[in-house]
Protein backbone atom coordinates (compact mmCIF):
# COMPACT_ATOMS: atom_id res chain seq x y z
CA MET A 1 -76.09 -138.91 -64.30
CA THR A 2 -79.72 -138.52 -65.10
CA SER A 3 -82.12 -141.43 -65.96
CA PHE A 4 -82.49 -140.28 -69.41
CA TYR A 5 -79.90 -140.20 -72.15
CA THR A 6 -78.37 -137.26 -73.12
CA PRO A 7 -78.68 -135.76 -76.55
CA CYS A 8 -75.18 -136.96 -77.34
CA GLU A 9 -76.15 -140.23 -76.38
CA LEU A 10 -79.12 -140.53 -78.38
CA LYS A 11 -77.25 -139.53 -81.46
CA GLN A 12 -74.72 -142.42 -80.77
CA LEU A 13 -77.67 -144.67 -80.45
CA GLY A 14 -77.93 -144.48 -84.34
CA PHE A 15 -81.54 -143.37 -84.62
CA LYS A 16 -82.98 -142.46 -88.28
CA SER A 17 -83.52 -138.94 -86.94
CA VAL A 18 -83.71 -137.45 -83.35
CA GLY A 19 -85.24 -134.15 -82.51
CA ASN A 20 -84.81 -131.76 -79.74
CA ASN A 21 -85.99 -132.07 -76.28
CA VAL A 22 -86.26 -135.75 -76.28
CA PHE A 23 -86.24 -137.85 -72.97
CA ILE A 24 -85.77 -141.36 -73.56
CA SER A 25 -85.21 -143.76 -70.30
CA ARG A 26 -81.94 -145.69 -69.78
CA ASN A 27 -84.19 -148.27 -69.01
CA ALA A 28 -86.06 -148.54 -72.26
CA CYS A 29 -84.81 -151.22 -74.78
CA ILE A 30 -84.35 -149.92 -78.34
CA TYR A 31 -83.94 -152.49 -81.30
CA GLY A 32 -82.98 -151.38 -84.74
CA ALA A 33 -82.74 -147.75 -83.98
CA GLY A 34 -81.73 -147.06 -87.34
CA GLY A 35 -85.38 -147.53 -88.53
CA ILE A 36 -86.72 -144.90 -85.87
CA SER A 37 -87.44 -141.61 -86.12
CA ILE A 38 -88.21 -139.11 -83.36
CA GLY A 39 -89.67 -135.78 -83.62
CA ASP A 40 -89.03 -132.76 -81.04
CA ASN A 41 -90.59 -133.03 -77.34
CA VAL A 42 -90.71 -136.69 -76.98
CA ARG A 43 -90.61 -138.57 -73.75
CA ILE A 44 -90.28 -142.49 -73.59
CA ASP A 45 -90.43 -143.82 -69.98
CA ASP A 46 -88.81 -146.65 -68.18
CA PHE A 47 -89.09 -150.38 -69.67
CA CYS A 48 -90.36 -149.63 -73.05
CA ILE A 49 -89.51 -151.70 -75.94
CA LEU A 50 -89.30 -150.03 -79.34
CA SER A 51 -88.58 -152.35 -82.47
CA GLY A 52 -88.60 -152.23 -86.05
CA ARG A 53 -90.05 -149.32 -88.30
CA ILE A 54 -91.40 -146.53 -85.98
CA THR A 55 -92.21 -142.78 -86.39
CA LEU A 56 -92.69 -140.56 -83.64
CA GLN A 57 -93.92 -136.86 -84.37
CA ASN A 58 -94.09 -133.92 -81.74
CA ARG A 59 -95.19 -133.63 -78.39
CA ILE A 60 -95.70 -137.29 -77.67
CA HIS A 61 -95.53 -139.37 -74.46
CA ILE A 62 -94.93 -143.00 -74.28
CA ALA A 63 -95.64 -143.99 -70.42
CA ALA A 64 -93.93 -146.94 -68.61
CA ALA A 65 -93.64 -150.51 -69.95
CA CYS A 66 -95.37 -149.95 -73.37
CA LEU A 67 -94.47 -152.30 -76.23
CA LEU A 68 -94.06 -151.08 -79.75
CA PHE A 69 -93.41 -153.84 -82.30
CA GLY A 70 -93.12 -151.83 -85.56
CA GLY A 71 -91.62 -154.55 -87.61
CA LYS A 72 -91.59 -154.07 -91.47
CA SER A 73 -95.00 -152.35 -91.63
CA GLY A 74 -94.53 -149.63 -89.21
CA ILE A 75 -96.14 -147.53 -86.52
CA LEU A 76 -96.62 -143.55 -86.98
CA MET A 77 -97.67 -141.79 -83.77
CA LYS A 78 -98.75 -138.42 -84.83
CA ASP A 79 -98.43 -135.19 -82.97
CA PHE A 80 -99.95 -134.96 -79.14
CA SER A 81 -100.89 -138.53 -79.36
CA GLY A 82 -99.81 -140.58 -76.31
CA LEU A 83 -99.85 -143.98 -74.71
CA SER A 84 -100.54 -144.66 -71.00
CA SER A 85 -98.43 -147.46 -69.24
CA ARG A 86 -98.55 -151.28 -70.37
CA CYS A 87 -99.61 -150.61 -74.03
CA ALA A 88 -98.58 -153.12 -76.71
CA ILE A 89 -99.00 -152.12 -80.24
CA TYR A 90 -98.17 -154.73 -82.93
CA ALA A 91 -97.62 -153.63 -86.49
CA ASP A 92 -96.59 -157.41 -87.79
CA SER A 93 -98.20 -160.38 -86.34
CA ASP A 94 -97.28 -164.24 -87.08
CA ASP A 95 -100.45 -166.40 -88.42
CA TYR A 96 -101.43 -168.59 -85.42
CA SER A 97 -103.86 -170.49 -87.62
CA GLY A 98 -101.22 -173.61 -87.66
CA ASN A 99 -100.56 -173.18 -91.51
CA ALA A 100 -97.10 -171.72 -90.74
CA LEU A 101 -94.45 -171.94 -88.38
CA THR A 102 -94.39 -169.11 -85.87
CA ASN A 103 -91.57 -166.81 -83.90
CA PRO A 104 -88.43 -164.91 -85.15
CA MET A 105 -86.30 -167.97 -84.97
CA ILE A 106 -87.89 -169.63 -88.19
CA PRO A 107 -86.88 -168.31 -91.50
CA ASP A 108 -89.67 -166.02 -93.34
CA LYS A 109 -90.15 -168.71 -95.77
CA TYR A 110 -91.85 -170.93 -93.49
CA ARG A 111 -93.85 -168.06 -91.66
CA SER A 112 -96.56 -166.27 -92.61
CA ILE A 113 -96.45 -162.73 -91.28
CA GLN A 114 -99.46 -160.51 -91.55
CA GLY A 115 -98.93 -156.76 -90.93
CA GLY A 116 -99.99 -153.32 -91.78
CA LEU A 117 -99.18 -149.67 -90.57
CA VAL A 118 -100.27 -148.71 -87.26
CA THR A 119 -101.15 -144.89 -86.91
CA LEU A 120 -102.02 -142.87 -84.31
CA GLU A 121 -103.37 -139.36 -85.48
CA LYS A 122 -103.11 -136.35 -84.13
CA HIS A 123 -104.51 -135.99 -80.37
CA ALA A 124 -105.19 -139.73 -80.21
CA LEU A 125 -104.84 -141.39 -76.84
CA VAL A 126 -104.69 -144.97 -75.66
CA GLY A 127 -105.45 -145.83 -71.70
CA SER A 128 -103.30 -147.99 -69.73
CA ASN A 129 -103.14 -151.81 -70.55
CA CYS A 130 -104.52 -151.77 -74.32
CA THR A 131 -103.53 -153.83 -77.34
CA ILE A 132 -103.78 -152.52 -80.87
CA LEU A 133 -103.19 -154.99 -83.84
CA PRO A 134 -101.76 -154.42 -87.11
CA GLY A 135 -103.18 -152.15 -89.70
CA VAL A 136 -105.12 -150.56 -87.21
CA THR A 137 -105.90 -146.53 -87.37
CA VAL A 138 -106.67 -144.59 -84.51
CA LYS A 139 -108.15 -141.39 -86.12
CA GLU A 140 -107.65 -137.71 -84.75
CA GLY A 141 -108.89 -137.33 -81.46
CA ALA A 142 -109.68 -140.71 -80.51
CA SER A 143 -109.40 -141.92 -77.03
CA VAL A 144 -109.26 -145.76 -76.08
CA GLY A 145 -110.37 -146.64 -72.63
CA SER A 146 -107.96 -148.82 -70.26
CA MET A 147 -107.56 -152.48 -70.78
CA SER A 148 -109.16 -152.36 -74.68
CA LEU A 149 -108.45 -154.34 -77.52
CA VAL A 150 -108.29 -152.24 -80.60
CA THR A 151 -108.77 -154.72 -83.48
CA LYS A 152 -110.07 -152.37 -86.24
CA SER A 153 -109.52 -148.66 -87.03
CA LEU A 154 -111.58 -146.37 -84.82
CA ASP A 155 -113.08 -142.98 -86.06
CA GLU A 156 -112.10 -139.57 -85.16
CA TRP A 157 -113.48 -138.05 -81.76
CA GLY A 158 -115.02 -140.76 -80.21
CA ILE A 159 -114.54 -142.67 -76.52
CA TYR A 160 -113.95 -146.50 -77.10
CA VAL A 161 -113.77 -149.17 -74.71
CA GLY A 162 -114.14 -152.84 -74.56
CA ILE A 163 -112.42 -156.11 -75.95
CA PRO A 164 -112.86 -155.75 -78.85
CA CYS A 165 -113.33 -151.92 -78.23
CA LYS A 166 -116.63 -149.91 -79.06
CA ARG A 167 -117.20 -146.51 -79.16
CA ILE A 168 -119.52 -145.04 -76.16
CA LYS A 169 -119.48 -141.48 -76.80
CA ASP A 170 -118.26 -138.51 -78.44
CA ARG A 171 -115.32 -136.93 -77.24
CA SER A 172 -114.62 -133.06 -76.74
CA ARG A 173 -113.17 -131.30 -79.44
CA LYS A 174 -112.22 -128.41 -77.01
CA ILE A 175 -108.49 -129.86 -76.80
CA LEU A 176 -108.11 -128.04 -80.47
CA LYS A 177 -108.94 -124.83 -78.70
CA ILE A 178 -106.17 -125.42 -75.86
CA GLU A 179 -103.80 -126.39 -78.56
CA ASP A 180 -104.41 -122.99 -80.36
CA GLU A 181 -103.87 -121.13 -76.92
CA PHE A 182 -100.74 -123.29 -76.24
CA TRP A 183 -99.23 -122.33 -79.84
CA VAL A 184 -99.69 -118.65 -78.81
CA GLU A 185 -98.35 -118.99 -75.30
CA MET A 186 -95.33 -120.44 -77.24
CA ASN A 187 -94.77 -117.18 -79.29
CA GLY A 188 -97.17 -118.41 -82.25
CA ASP A 189 -94.50 -120.82 -83.50
CA LYS A 190 -96.17 -124.02 -84.58
CA GLU A 191 -94.39 -126.93 -85.22
């Protein structure tokens, strides 16, 4: 037995959709698989939690101990995006101001849940131990350094670090040329 679910087992988990060449650790926790869509060539490592509305496109890696809480607002990870270990993404959050009760054991009418779709665009990368809050878009090619807090959307092709994170420099676009070479090597078959 391998440490990843077989394709047959993945289908039995009840995902909204699941592509080819998908590797999900048997030590990952999946809640509400019916709201989760997974494309081709995706790997999710040990001790990850996926919950709520989540769409993972193609060629994505989610490293060990990442937490993706899509809630009702949702998380979208586009092609070639990735999360290093121990990242947390929150698409929805309780209001902690004291004006409402909090936690999932309280009926919604007594809570004030704030949220917004979290998107990691193509080639967006997030370093180890980062937190991303509701409504954020990490635009194409943006990279977030380890232990950063992302509270607002990030512009494309920048490198960001800090709490809250700030742009420190541009990120190279050479990766786009490398992607083209990759597709040529894969028989020119773009997904």
